[in-house]
PDB file of N, CA and C in Angstrom:
ATOM      1  N   UNK A   1       0.914  -1.122   0.021  1.00  0.00           N
ATOM      2  CA  UNK A   1      -0.031   0.112  -0.030  1.00  0.00           C
ATOM      3  C   UNK A   1       0.919   1.320  -0.033  1.00  0.00           C
ATOM      4  N   UNK A   2       1.895   1.292   0.798  1.00  0.00           N
ATOM      5  CA  UNK A   2       2.865   2.398   0.687  1.00  0.00           C
ATOM      6  C   UNK A   2       3.330   2.898  -0.647  1.00  0.00           C
ATOM      7  N   UNK A   3       3.573   1.853  -1.450  1.00  0.00           N
ATOM      8  CA  UNK A   3       4.018   2.288  -2.923  1.00  0.00           C
ATOM      9  C   UNK A   3       2.891   3.071  -3.678  1.00  0.00           C
ATOM     10  N   UNK A   4       1.772   3.193  -3.336  1.00  0.00           N
ATOM     11  CA  UNK A   4       0.903   4.099  -4.047  1.00  0.00           C
ATOM     12  C   UNK A   4       0.846   5.480  -3.287  1.00  0.00           C
ATOM     13  N   UNK A   5       1.348   5.724  -2.188  1.00  0.00           N
ATOM     14  CA  UNK A   5       1.416   7.089  -1.649  1.00  0.00           C
ATOM     15  C   UNK A   5       2.318   8.141  -2.574  1.00  0.00           C
ATOM     16  N   UNK A   6       3.443   7.503  -3.037  1.00  0.00           N
ATOM     17  CA  UNK A   6       4.291   8.447  -3.693  1.00  0.00           C
ATOM     18  C   UNK A   6       3.769   8.927  -5.030  1.00  0.00           C
ATOM     19  N   UNK A   7       3.328   7.993  -5.825  1.00  0.00           N
ATOM     20  CA  UNK A   7       2.735   8.394  -7.132  1.00  0.00           C
ATOM     21  C   UNK A   7       1.446   9.212  -6.905  1.00  0.00           C
ATOM     22  N   UNK A   8       0.644   8.798  -6.010  1.00  0.00           N
ATOM     23  CA  UNK A   8      -0.610   9.640  -5.640  1.00  0.00           C
ATOM     24  C   UNK A   8      -0.203  11.102  -5.175  1.00  0.00           C
ATOM     25  N   UNK A   9       0.715  11.291  -4.467  1.00  0.00           N
ATOM     26  CA  UNK A   9       1.165  12.659  -3.968  1.00  0.00           C
ATOM     27  C   UNK A   9       1.840  13.345  -5.124  1.00  0.00           C
ATOM     28  N   UNK A  10       2.521  12.781  -6.027  1.00  0.00           N
ATOM     29  CA  UNK A  10       3.010  13.364  -7.255  1.00  0.00           C
ATOM     30  C   UNK A  10       2.000  13.799  -8.123  1.00  0.00           C
ATOM     31  N   UNK A  11       0.988  13.072  -8.234  1.00  0.00           N
ATOM     32  CA  UNK A  11      -0.186  13.405  -9.221  1.00  0.00           C
ATOM     33  C   UNK A  11      -0.966  14.563  -8.509  1.00  0.00           C
ATOM     34  N   UNK A  12      -1.296  14.635  -7.290  1.00  0.00           N
ATOM     35  CA  UNK A  12      -2.032  15.503  -6.616  1.00  0.00           C
ATOM     36  C   UNK A  12      -1.107  16.922  -6.778  1.00  0.00           C
ATOM     37  N   UNK A  13       0.028  16.914  -6.517  1.00  0.00           N
ATOM     38  CA  UNK A  13       0.992  17.965  -6.585  1.00  0.00           C
ATOM     39  C   UNK A  13       0.968  18.575  -8.041  1.00  0.00           C
ATOM     40  N   UNK A  14       1.010  17.669  -9.112  1.00  0.00           N
ATOM     41  CA  UNK A  14       0.942  18.189 -10.473  1.00  0.00           C
ATOM     42  C   UNK A  14      -0.428  18.959 -10.875  1.00  0.00           C
ATOM     43  N   UNK A  15      -1.526  18.290 -10.261  1.00  0.00           N
ATOM     44  CA  UNK A  15      -2.761  18.965 -10.526  1.00  0.00           C
ATOM     45  C   UNK A  15      -2.974  20.303  -9.837  1.00  0.00           C
ATOM     46  N   UNK A  16      -2.451  20.279  -8.594  1.00  0.00           N
ATOM     47  CA  UNK A  16      -2.437  21.510  -7.913  1.00  0.00           C
ATOM     48  C   UNK A  16      -1.698  22.669  -8.650  1.00  0.00           C
ATOM     49  N   UNK A  17      -0.225  22.308  -8.975  1.00  0.00           N
ATOM     50  CA  UNK A  17       0.364  23.090  -9.778  1.00  0.00           C
ATOM     51  C   UNK A  17      -0.154  23.836 -11.178  1.00  0.00           C
ATOM     52  N   UNK A  18      -0.915  22.768 -11.840  1.00  0.00           N
ATOM     53  CA  UNK A  18      -1.462  23.065 -13.005  1.00  0.00           C
ATOM     54  C   UNK A  18      -2.679  24.133 -12.786  1.00  0.00           C
ATOM     55  N   UNK A  19      -3.476  23.760 -11.795  1.00  0.00           N
ATOM     56  CA  UNK A  19      -4.531  24.759 -11.530  1.00  0.00           C
ATOM     57  C   UNK A  19      -4.108  26.084 -11.178  1.00  0.00           C
ATOM     58  N   UNK A  20      -3.154  26.222 -10.446  1.00  0.00           N
ATOM     59  CA  UNK A  20      -2.434  27.425  -9.938  1.00  0.00           C
ATOM     60  C   UNK A  20      -1.788  28.217 -11.024  1.00  0.00           C
ATOM     61  N   UNK A  21      -1.545  27.518 -12.077  1.00  0.00           N
ATOM     62  CA  UNK A  21      -0.784  28.199 -13.154  1.00  0.00           C
ATOM     63  C   UNK A  21      -1.752  29.073 -14.003  1.00  0.00           C
ATOM     64  N   UNK A  22      -2.952  29.036 -14.003  1.00  0.00           N
ATOM     65  CA  UNK A  22      -3.849  29.761 -14.938  1.00  0.00           C
ATOM     66  C   UNK A  22      -3.803  31.249 -14.246  1.00  0.00           C
ATOM     67  N   UNK A  23      -4.096  32.136 -15.285  1.00  0.00           N
ATOM     68  CA  UNK A  23      -4.447  33.627 -14.787  1.00  0.00           C
ATOM     69  C   UNK A  23      -5.724  33.677 -14.063  1.00  0.00           C
ATOM     70  N   UNK A  24      -5.782  33.943 -12.970  1.00  0.00           N
ATOM     71  CA  UNK A  24      -6.749  34.036 -12.045  1.00  0.00           C
ATOM     72  C   UNK A  24      -7.118  35.486 -11.575  1.00  0.00           C
ATOM     73  N   UNK A  25      -8.405  35.966 -11.531  1.00  0.00           N
ATOM     74  CA  UNK A  25      -8.620  37.271 -11.110  1.00  0.00           C
ATOM     75  C   UNK A  25      -8.358  37.287  -9.569  1.00  0.00           C
ATOM     76  N   UNK A  26      -7.581  38.327  -9.275  1.00  0.00           N
ATOM     77  CA  UNK A  26      -7.178  38.537  -7.862  1.00  0.00           C
ATOM     78  C   UNK A  26      -7.907  39.643  -7.212  1.00  0.00           C
ATOM     79  N   UNK A  27      -8.216  40.687  -8.122  1.00  0.00           N
ATOM     80  CA  UNK A  27      -8.894  41.939  -7.633  1.00  0.00           C
ATOM     81  C   UNK A  27      -9.596  42.583  -8.626  1.00  0.00           C
ATOM     82  N   UNK A  28     -10.760  43.116  -8.577  1.00  0.00           N
ATOM     83  CA  UNK A  28     -11.435  43.998  -9.514  1.00  0.00           C
ATOM     84  C   UNK A  28     -11.978  45.299  -8.915  1.00  0.00           C
ATOM     85  N   UNK A  29     -11.772  46.315  -9.516  1.00  0.00           N
ATOM     86  CA  UNK A  29     -12.316  47.679  -8.922  1.00  0.00           C
ATOM     87  C   UNK A  29     -13.199  48.195 -10.150  1.00  0.00           C
ATOM     88  N   UNK A  30     -14.592  48.246  -9.961  1.00  0.00           N
ATOM     89  CA  UNK A  30     -15.284  47.931  -8.471  1.00  0.00           C
ATOM     90  C   UNK A  30     -15.287  46.281  -8.345  1.00  0.00           C
ATOM     91  N   UNK A  31     -15.395  46.164  -7.146  1.00  0.00           N
ATOM     92  CA  UNK A  31     -15.273  44.743  -6.443  1.00  0.00           C
ATOM     93  C   UNK A  31     -16.683  44.077  -7.090  1.00  0.00           C
ATOM     94  N   UNK A  32     -16.532  42.830  -7.204  1.00  0.00           N
ATOM     95  CA  UNK A  32     -17.634  41.888  -7.355  1.00  0.00           C
ATOM     96  C   UNK A  32     -18.742  42.128  -6.480  1.00  0.00           C
ATOM     97  N   UNK A  33     -20.017  42.448  -6.723  1.00  0.00           N
ATOM     98  CA  UNK A  33     -21.044  42.725  -5.877  1.00  0.00           C
ATOM     99  C   UNK A  33     -21.091  44.261  -5.426  1.00  0.00           C
ATOM    100  N   UNK A  34     -20.278  45.074  -5.749  1.00  0.00           N
ATOM    101  CA  UNK A  34     -20.051  46.372  -5.402  1.00  0.00           C
ATOM    102  C   UNK A  34     -21.221  47.392  -5.802  1.00  0.00           C
ATOM    103  N   UNK A  35     -21.437  48.243  -4.918  1.00  0.00           N
ATOM    104  CA  UNK A  35     -22.189  49.306  -5.144  1.00  0.00           C
ATOM    105  C   UNK A  35     -21.736  50.629  -5.435  1.00  0.00           C
ATOM    106  N   UNK A  36     -21.604  51.273  -6.533  1.00  0.00           N
ATOM    107  CA  UNK A  36     -20.888  52.378  -6.853  1.00  0.00           C
ATOM    108  C   UNK A  36     -21.588  53.648  -6.513  1.00  0.00           C
ATOM    109  N   UNK A  37     -20.796  54.574  -6.031  1.00  0.00           N
ATOM    110  CA  UNK A  37     -21.337  55.905  -5.647  1.00  0.00           C
ATOM    111  C   UNK A  37     -21.475  56.832  -6.842  1.00  0.00           C
ATOM    112  N   UNK A  38     -20.603  56.491  -7.890  1.00  0.00           N
ATOM    113  CA  UNK A  38     -20.828  57.278  -9.213  1.00  0.00           C
ATOM    114  C   UNK A  38     -20.417  56.140 -10.199  1.00  0.00           C
ATOM    115  N   UNK A  39     -20.550  56.403 -11.556  1.00  0.00           N
ATOM    116  CA  UNK A  39     -20.345  55.550 -12.612  1.00  0.00           C
ATOM    117  C   UNK A  39     -18.894  55.423 -12.800  1.00  0.00           C
ATOM    118  N   UNK A  40     -18.299  54.453 -13.136  1.00  0.00           N
ATOM    119  CA  UNK A  40     -16.774  54.413 -13.293  1.00  0.00           C
ATOM    120  C   UNK A  40     -16.536  54.807 -14.691  1.00  0.00           C
ATOM    121  N   UNK A  41     -15.368  55.230 -14.885  1.00  0.00           N
ATOM    122  CA  UNK A  41     -14.923  55.420 -16.257  1.00  0.00           C
ATOM    123  C   UNK A  41     -14.248  54.219 -16.807  1.00  0.00           C
ATOM    124  N   UNK A  42     -13.707  53.365 -15.944  1.00  0.00           N
ATOM    125  CA  UNK A  42     -13.228  52.123 -16.378  1.00  0.00           C
ATOM    126  C   UNK A  42     -13.349  50.931 -15.212  1.00  0.00           C
ATOM    127  N   UNK A  43     -13.179  49.807 -15.680  1.00  0.00           N
ATOM    128  CA  UNK A  43     -13.086  48.818 -14.666  1.00  0.00           C
ATOM    129  C   UNK A  43     -11.797  48.301 -14.603  1.00  0.00           C
ATOM    130  N   UNK A  44     -11.025  48.020 -13.430  1.00  0.00           N
ATOM    131  CA  UNK A  44      -9.574  47.552 -13.498  1.00  0.00           C
ATOM    132  C   UNK A  44      -9.708  46.102 -12.864  1.00  0.00           C
ATOM    133  N   UNK A  45      -9.286  45.223 -13.755  1.00  0.00           N
ATOM    134  CA  UNK A  45      -9.140  43.778 -13.403  1.00  0.00           C
ATOM    135  C   UNK A  45      -7.500  43.389 -13.366  1.00  0.00           C
ATOM    136  N   UNK A  46      -7.133  42.822 -12.134  1.00  0.00           N
ATOM    137  CA  UNK A  46      -5.936  42.444 -11.660  1.00  0.00           C
ATOM    138  C   UNK A  46      -5.758  40.994 -11.670  1.00  0.00           C
ATOM    139  N   UNK A  47      -5.116  40.355 -12.489  1.00  0.00           N
ATOM    140  CA  UNK A  47      -4.772  38.954 -12.612  1.00  0.00           C
ATOM    141  C   UNK A  47      -3.672  38.392 -11.761  1.00  0.00           C
ATOM    142  N   UNK A  48      -3.556  37.025 -11.589  1.00  0.00           N
ATOM    143  CA  UNK A  48      -2.430  36.375 -10.815  1.00  0.00           C
ATOM    144  C   UNK A  48      -1.154  36.489 -11.585  1.00  0.00           C
ATOM    145  N   UNK A  49      -1.296  36.540 -12.833  1.00  0.00           N
ATOM    146  CA  UNK A  49      -0.252  36.705 -14.005  1.00  0.00           C
ATOM    147  C   UNK A  49      -0.494  37.383 -15.155  1.00  0.00           C
ATOM    148  N   UNK A  50       0.294  37.963 -15.851  1.00  0.00           N
ATOM    149  CA  UNK A  50       0.019  38.720 -17.228  1.00  0.00           C
ATOM    150  C   UNK A  50      -1.008  37.928 -18.032  1.00  0.00           C
ATOM    151  N   UNK A  51      -2.063  38.455 -18.463  1.00  0.00           N
ATOM    152  CA  UNK A  51      -3.020  37.914 -19.476  1.00  0.00           C
ATOM    153  C   UNK A  51      -3.445  38.925 -20.405  1.00  0.00           C
ATOM    154  N   UNK A  52      -3.919  38.357 -21.520  1.00  0.00           N
ATOM    155  CA  UNK A  52      -4.522  39.273 -22.515  1.00  0.00           C
ATOM    156  C   UNK A  52      -5.967  39.072 -22.629  1.00  0.00           C
ATOM    157  N   UNK A  53      -6.626  40.302 -22.595  1.00  0.00           N
ATOM    158  CA  UNK A  53      -8.154  40.290 -22.756  1.00  0.00           C
ATOM    159  C   UNK A  53      -8.485  40.101 -24.217  1.00  0.00           C
ATOM    160  N   UNK A  54      -9.095  38.950 -24.498  1.00  0.00           N
ATOM    161  CA  UNK A  54      -9.555  38.642 -25.932  1.00  0.00           C
ATOM    162  C   UNK A  54     -10.978  39.027 -26.290  1.00  0.00           C
ATOM    163  N   UNK A  55     -11.910  39.376 -25.254  1.00  0.00           N
ATOM    164  CA  UNK A  55     -13.160  39.719 -25.427  1.00  0.00           C
ATOM    165  C   UNK A  55     -13.783  40.060 -24.076  1.00  0.00           C
ATOM    166  N   UNK A  56     -14.784  41.031 -24.333  1.00  0.00           N
ATOM    167  CA  UNK A  56     -15.428  41.795 -23.109  1.00  0.00           C
ATOM    168  C   UNK A  56     -16.641  42.201 -23.337  1.00  0.00           C
ATOM    169  N   UNK A  57     -17.522  41.933 -22.595  1.00  0.00           N
ATOM    170  CA  UNK A  57     -19.089  42.531 -22.811  1.00  0.00           C
ATOM    171  C   UNK A  57     -19.552  43.150 -21.341  1.00  0.00           C
ATOM    172  N   UNK A  58     -20.448  43.937 -21.566  1.00  0.00           N
ATOM    173  CA  UNK A  58     -21.218  44.559 -20.555  1.00  0.00           C
ATOM    174  C   UNK A  58     -22.750  44.376 -20.679  1.00  0.00           C
ATOM    175  N   UNK A  59     -23.295  43.950 -19.711  1.00  0.00           N
ATOM    176  CA  UNK A  59     -24.698  43.821 -19.765  1.00  0.00           C
ATOM    177  C   UNK A  59     -25.477  44.594 -18.478  1.00  0.00           C
ATOM    178  N   UNK A  60     -26.561  45.258 -18.876  1.00  0.00           N
ATOM    179  CA  UNK A  60     -27.323  45.792 -17.824  1.00  0.00           C
ATOM    180  C   UNK A  60     -28.600  44.932 -17.589  1.00  0.00           C
ATOM    181  N   UNK A  61     -28.755  44.539 -16.410  1.00  0.00           N
ATOM    182  CA  UNK A  61     -30.007  43.702 -15.989  1.00  0.00           C
ATOM    183  C   UNK A  61     -30.116  42.576 -16.913  1.00  0.00           C
ATOM    184  N   UNK A  62     -31.294  42.339 -17.641  1.00  0.00           N
ATOM    185  CA  UNK A  62     -31.547  41.245 -18.389  1.00  0.00           C
ATOM    186  C   UNK A  62     -31.328  41.572 -19.782  1.00  0.00           C
ATOM    187  N   UNK A  63     -30.822  42.878 -20.042  1.00  0.00           N
ATOM    188  CA  UNK A  63     -30.712  43.404 -21.444  1.00  0.00           C
ATOM    189  C   UNK A  63     -29.556  42.593 -22.230  1.00  0.00           C
ATOM    190  N   UNK A  64     -29.330  42.899 -23.465  1.00  0.00           N
ATOM    191  CA  UNK A  64     -28.423  42.278 -24.377  1.00  0.00           C
ATOM    192  C   UNK A  64     -26.981  42.591 -23.776  1.00  0.00           C
ATOM    193  N   UNK A  65     -26.092  41.662 -24.208  1.00  0.00           N
ATOM    194  CA  UNK A  65     -24.638  42.048 -23.911  1.00  0.00           C
ATOM    195  C   UNK A  65     -24.318  42.886 -24.834  1.00  0.00           C
ATOM    196  N   UNK A  66     -23.459  43.904 -24.532  1.00  0.00           N
ATOM    197  CA  UNK A  66     -22.838  44.794 -25.302  1.00  0.00           C
ATOM    198  C   UNK A  66     -21.379  44.775 -25.402  1.00  0.00           C
ATOM    199  N   UNK A  67     -20.702  44.353 -26.531  1.00  0.00           N
ATOM    200  CA  UNK A  67     -19.265  44.172 -26.791  1.00  0.00           C
ATOM    201  C   UNK A  67     -18.576  45.556 -26.233  1.00  0.00           C
ATOM    202  N   UNK A  68     -17.502  45.402 -25.486  1.00  0.00           N
ATOM    203  CA  UNK A  68     -16.671  46.548 -25.021  1.00  0.00           C
ATOM    204  C   UNK A  68     -15.696  46.485 -26.089  1.00  0.00           C
ATOM    205  N   UNK A  69     -15.370  47.731 -26.589  1.00  0.00           N
ATOM    206  CA  UNK A  69     -14.193  47.937 -27.556  1.00  0.00           C
ATOM    207  C   UNK A  69     -13.263  48.821 -27.021  1.00  0.00           C
ATOM    208  N   UNK A  70     -12.064  48.977 -27.727  1.00  0.00           N
ATOM    209  CA  UNK A  70     -10.921  49.877 -26.994  1.00  0.00           C
ATOM    210  C   UNK A  70     -10.130  49.153 -26.117  1.00  0.00           C
ATOM    211  N   UNK A  71     -10.137  47.904 -26.165  1.00  0.00           N
ATOM    212  CA  UNK A  71      -9.319  46.931 -25.222  1.00  0.00           C
ATOM    213  C   UNK A  71      -7.892  46.948 -25.568  1.00  0.00           C
ATOM    214  N   UNK A  72      -6.987  46.975 -24.450  1.00  0.00           N
ATOM    215  CA  UNK A  72      -5.604  46.847 -24.678  1.00  0.00           C
ATOM    216  C   UNK A  72      -5.341  45.551 -25.389  1.00  0.00           C
ATOM    217  N   UNK A  73      -4.194  45.430 -26.149  1.00  0.00           N
ATOM    218  CA  UNK A  73      -3.878  44.110 -26.808  1.00  0.00           C
ATOM    219  C   UNK A  73      -2.692  43.497 -26.364  1.00  0.00           C
ATOM    220  N   UNK A  74      -1.957  44.209 -25.543  1.00  0.00           N
ATOM    221  CA  UNK A  74      -0.762  43.605 -25.019  1.00  0.00           C
ATOM    222  C   UNK A  74      -1.109  42.981 -23.610  1.00  0.00           C
ATOM    223  N   UNK A  75      -0.485  41.615 -23.296  1.00  0.00           N
ATOM    224  CA  UNK A  75      -0.775  41.142 -22.044  1.00  0.00           C
ATOM    225  C   UNK A  75      -0.318  41.815 -20.942  1.00  0.00           C
ATOM    226  N   UNK A  76      -0.944  41.848 -19.860  1.00  0.00           N
ATOM    227  CA  UNK A  76      -0.866  42.705 -18.620  1.00  0.00           C
ATOM    228  C   UNK A  76      -1.318  41.933 -17.432  1.00  0.00           C
ATOM    229  N   UNK A  77      -0.816  42.281 -16.073  1.00  0.00           N
ATOM    230  CA  UNK A  77      -1.320  41.722 -15.008  1.00  0.00           C
ATOM    231  C   UNK A  77      -2.482  42.544 -14.541  1.00  0.00           C
ATOM    232  N   UNK A  78      -2.387  43.806 -14.838  1.00  0.00           N
ATOM    233  CA  UNK A  78      -3.685  44.696 -14.356  1.00  0.00           C
ATOM    234  C   UNK A  78      -4.190  45.309 -15.867  1.00  0.00           C
ATOM    235  N   UNK A  79      -5.432  45.157 -16.063  1.00  0.00           N
ATOM    236  CA  UNK A  79      -6.030  45.469 -17.218  1.00  0.00           C
ATOM    237  C   UNK A  79      -7.125  46.481 -16.883  1.00  0.00           C
ATOM    238  N   UNK A  80      -7.185  47.540 -17.616  1.00  0.00           N
ATOM    239  CA  UNK A  80      -8.305  48.586 -17.476  1.00  0.00           C
ATOM    240  C   UNK A  80      -9.142  48.375 -18.583  1.00  0.00           C
ATOM    241  N   UNK A  81     -10.415  48.297 -18.300  1.00  0.00           N
ATOM    242  CA  UNK A  81     -11.463  48.219 -19.304  1.00  0.00           C
ATOM    243  C   UNK A  81     -12.238  49.361 -19.386  1.00  0.00           C
ATOM    244  N   UNK A  82     -12.373  50.147 -20.405  1.00  0.00           N
ATOM    245  CA  UNK A  82     -13.115  51.201 -20.581  1.00  0.00           C
ATOM    246  C   UNK A  82     -14.730  51.014 -20.693  1.00  0.00           C
ATOM    247  N   UNK A  83     -15.351  51.800 -19.857  1.00  0.00           N
ATOM    248  CA  UNK A  83     -16.781  51.486 -19.878  1.00  0.00           C
ATOM    249  C   UNK A  83     -17.495  52.750 -20.143  1.00  0.00           C
ATOM    250  N   UNK A  84     -18.609  52.911 -20.790  1.00  0.00           N
ATOM    251  CA  UNK A  84     -19.381  54.136 -21.192  1.00  0.00           C
ATOM    252  C   UNK A  84     -19.960  54.618 -19.759  1.00  0.00           C
ATOM    253  N   UNK A  85     -20.592  55.904 -19.972  1.00  0.00           N
ATOM    254  CA  UNK A  85     -21.364  56.515 -18.891  1.00  0.00           C
ATOM    255  C   UNK A  85     -22.576  55.481 -18.601  1.00  0.00           C
ATOM    256  N   UNK A  86     -22.753  55.049 -17.369  1.00  0.00           N
ATOM    257  CA  UNK A  86     -23.714  53.976 -17.138  1.00  0.00           C
ATOM    258  C   UNK A  86     -24.737  54.737 -16.388  1.00  0.00           C
ATOM    259  N   UNK A  87     -25.970  54.186 -16.744  1.00  0.00           N
ATOM    260  CA  UNK A  87     -27.289  54.497 -16.146  1.00  0.00           C
ATOM    261  C   UNK A  87     -27.387  53.713 -14.809  1.00  0.00           C
ATOM    262  N   UNK A  88     -28.362  54.200 -13.839  1.00  0.00           N
ATOM    263  CA  UNK A  88     -28.620  53.250 -12.739  1.00  0.00           C
ATOM    264  C   UNK A  88     -29.126  51.878 -12.984  1.00  0.00           C
ATOM    265  N   UNK A  89     -28.659  51.011 -12.366  1.00  0.00           N
ATOM    266  CA  UNK A  89     -28.960  49.554 -12.572  1.00  0.00           C
ATOM    267  C   UNK A  89     -27.973  48.730 -12.230  1.00  0.00           C
ATOM    268  N   UNK A  90     -28.345  47.369 -12.322  1.00  0.00           N
ATOM    269  CA  UNK A  90     -27.311  46.268 -12.066  1.00  0.00           C
ATOM    270  C   UNK A  90     -26.643  45.850 -13.407  1.00  0.00           C
ATOM    271  N   UNK A  91     -25.385  45.622 -13.255  1.00  0.00           N
ATOM    272  CA  UNK A  91     -24.487  45.286 -14.486  1.00  0.00           C
ATOM    273  C   UNK A  91     -23.643  44.142 -14.253  1.00  0.00           C
ATOM    274  N   UNK A  92     -23.454  43.402 -15.268  1.00  0.00           N
ATOM    275  CA  UNK A  92     -22.440  42.338 -15.212  1.00  0.00           C
ATOM    276  C   UNK A  92     -21.278  42.542 -16.402  1.00  0.00           C
ATOM    277  N   UNK A  93     -20.176  42.629 -16.064  1.00  0.00           N
ATOM    278  CA  UNK A  93     -18.913  42.630 -16.881  1.00  0.00           C
ATOM    279  C   UNK A  93     -18.388  41.254 -17.098  1.00  0.00           C
ATOM    280  N   UNK A  94     -18.527  40.828 -18.244  1.00  0.00           N
ATOM    281  CA  UNK A  94     -17.873  39.506 -18.494  1.00  0.00           C
ATOM    282  C   UNK A  94     -16.716  39.515 -19.534  1.00  0.00           C
ATOM    283  N   UNK A  95     -15.892  38.605 -19.364  1.00  0.00           N
ATOM    284  CA  UNK A  95     -14.486  38.591 -20.276  1.00  0.00           C
ATOM    285  C   UNK A  95     -14.007  37.203 -20.401  1.00  0.00           C
ATOM    286  N   UNK A  96     -12.986  37.229 -21.427  1.00  0.00           N
ATOM    287  CA  UNK A  96     -12.162  36.048 -21.850  1.00  0.00           C
ATOM    288  C   UNK A  96     -10.756  36.482 -21.683  1.00  0.00           C
ATOM    289  N   UNK A  97      -9.992  35.802 -21.116  1.00  0.00           N
ATOM    290  CA  UNK A  97      -8.412  36.172 -21.154  1.00  0.00           C
ATOM    291  C   UNK A  97      -7.793  34.882 -21.410  1.00  0.00           C
ATOM    292  N   UNK A  98      -6.347  35.137 -21.982  1.00  0.00           N
ATOM    293  CA  UNK A  98      -5.573  34.161 -22.476  1.00  0.00           C
ATOM    294  C   UNK A  98      -4.337  34.460 -21.582  1.00  0.00           C
ATOM    295  N   UNK A  99      -3.952  33.387 -20.690  1.00  0.00           N
ATOM    296  CA  UNK A  99      -2.856  33.511 -19.672  1.00  0.00           C
ATOM    297  C   UNK A  99      -1.517  33.357 -20.503  1.00  0.00           C
ATOM    298  N   UNK A 100      -0.442  33.334 -19.986  1.00  0.00           N
ATOM    299  CA  UNK A 100       0.822  33.089 -20.439  1.00  0.00           C
ATOM    300  C   UNK A 100       1.044  31.654 -20.647  1.00  0.00           C
ATOM    301  N   UNK A 101       0.112  30.657 -20.047  1.00  0.00           N
ATOM    302  CA  UNK A 101       0.240  29.396 -20.385  1.00  0.00           C
ATOM    303  C   UNK A 101      -0.740  28.956 -21.679  1.00  0.00           C
ATOM    304  N   UNK A 102      -1.397  29.993 -22.189  1.00  0.00           N
ATOM    305  CA  UNK A 102      -2.127  29.618 -23.306  1.00  0.00           C
ATOM    306  C   UNK A 102      -3.704  29.365 -23.129  1.00  0.00           C
ATOM    307  N   UNK A 103      -4.042  29.045 -21.879  1.00  0.00           N
ATOM    308  CA  UNK A 103      -5.225  28.685 -21.639  1.00  0.00           C
ATOM    309  C   UNK A 103      -6.221  29.938 -21.606  1.00  0.00           C
ATOM    310  N   UNK A 104      -7.518  29.636 -22.185  1.00  0.00           N
ATOM    311  CA  UNK A 104      -8.524  30.591 -22.232  1.00  0.00           C
ATOM    312  C   UNK A 104      -9.512  30.470 -20.968  1.00  0.00           C
ATOM    313  N   UNK A 105      -9.515  31.658 -20.204  1.00  0.00           N
ATOM    314  CA  UNK A 105     -10.312  31.538 -19.201  1.00  0.00           C
ATOM    315  C   UNK A 105     -11.506  32.669 -19.221  1.00  0.00           C
ATOM    316  N   UNK A 106     -12.603  32.369 -18.771  1.00  0.00           N
ATOM    317  CA  UNK A 106     -13.765  33.291 -18.651  1.00  0.00           C
ATOM    318  C   UNK A 106     -13.854  33.850 -17.397  1.00  0.00           C
ATOM    319  N   UNK A 107     -14.392  35.066 -16.991  1.00  0.00           N
ATOM    320  CA  UNK A 107     -14.891  35.455 -15.891  1.00  0.00           C
ATOM    321  C   UNK A 107     -15.742  36.533 -15.946  1.00  0.00           C
ATOM    322  N   UNK A 108     -16.231  36.910 -14.932  1.00  0.00           N
ATOM    323  CA  UNK A 108     -17.330  38.130 -14.669  1.00  0.00           C
ATOM    324  C   UNK A 108     -17.353  38.644 -13.180  1.00  0.00           C
ATOM    325  N   UNK A 109     -17.841  39.876 -13.272  1.00  0.00           N
ATOM    326  CA  UNK A 109     -18.235  40.503 -12.000  1.00  0.00           C
ATOM    327  C   UNK A 109     -19.540  41.311 -12.080  1.00  0.00           C
ATOM    328  N   UNK A 110     -20.187  41.322 -10.998  1.00  0.00           N
ATOM    329  CA  UNK A 110     -21.291  42.087 -10.822  1.00  0.00           C
ATOM    330  C   UNK A 110     -21.318  43.242 -10.160  1.00  0.00           C
ATOM    331  N   UNK A 111     -21.972  44.477 -10.606  1.00  0.00           N
ATOM    332  CA  UNK A 111     -21.889  45.742  -9.825  1.00  0.00           C
ATOM    333  C   UNK A 111     -23.153  46.420 -10.044  1.00  0.00           C
ATOM    334  N   UNK A 112     -23.478  47.453  -9.095  1.00  0.00           N
ATOM    335  CA  UNK A 112     -24.601  48.131  -9.273  1.00  0.00           C
ATOM    336  C   UNK A 112     -24.298  49.501  -9.258  1.00  0.00           C
ATOM    337  N   UNK A 113     -25.047  50.429 -10.180  1.00  0.00           N
ATOM    338  CA  UNK A 113     -24.839  51.873 -10.136  1.00  0.00           C
ATOM    339  C   UNK A 113     -26.132  52.279  -9.597  1.00  0.00           C
ATOM    340  N   UNK A 114     -26.248  52.876  -8.464  1.00  0.00           N
ATOM    341  CA  UNK A 114     -27.508  53.347  -7.839  1.00  0.00           C
ATOM    342  C   UNK A 114     -28.047  54.681  -8.658  1.00  0.00           C
ATOM    343  N   UNK A 115     -29.467  54.695  -8.342  1.00  0.00           N
ATOM    344  CA  UNK A 115     -30.136  55.862  -9.015  1.00  0.00           C
ATOM    345  C   UNK A 115     -29.661  57.331  -8.111  1.00  0.00           C
ATOM    346  N   UNK A 116     -30.032  58.390  -8.927  1.00  0.00           N
ATOM    347  CA  UNK A 116     -29.691  59.604  -8.227  1.00  0.00           C
ATOM    348  C   UNK A 116     -30.488  59.754  -7.111  1.00  0.00           C
ATOM    349  N   UNK A 117     -30.012  60.751  -6.097  1.00  0.00           N
ATOM    350  CA  UNK A 117     -30.634  60.866  -4.773  1.00  0.00           C
ATOM    351  C   UNK A 117     -31.327  62.230  -4.726  1.00  0.00           C
TER     352      UNK A 117
END
């Protein structure tokens, strides 16, 4: 039975290393689930490693997804996504990035722009 512990441990270590090697979202401004005091001029996504944003969409409520344009083309660990002036409501910003390892990873954040007071 002992002879199975070493290969099993190596396999587990390999799987953990592979999972951690992908570009993972570490921080978003605004944060996922955040309520904004004012509409942002951009959303900043910070990843665990340099990544290239290949596609990005903004969706208000149940409305259609709108493709975000003007995206940076060079890989970076911190990516600024330009967003238009936003009306009050709930939004989802979704994206696809390609990490240094070549893997394509999707992601999204939700945030709310409150109505005027």
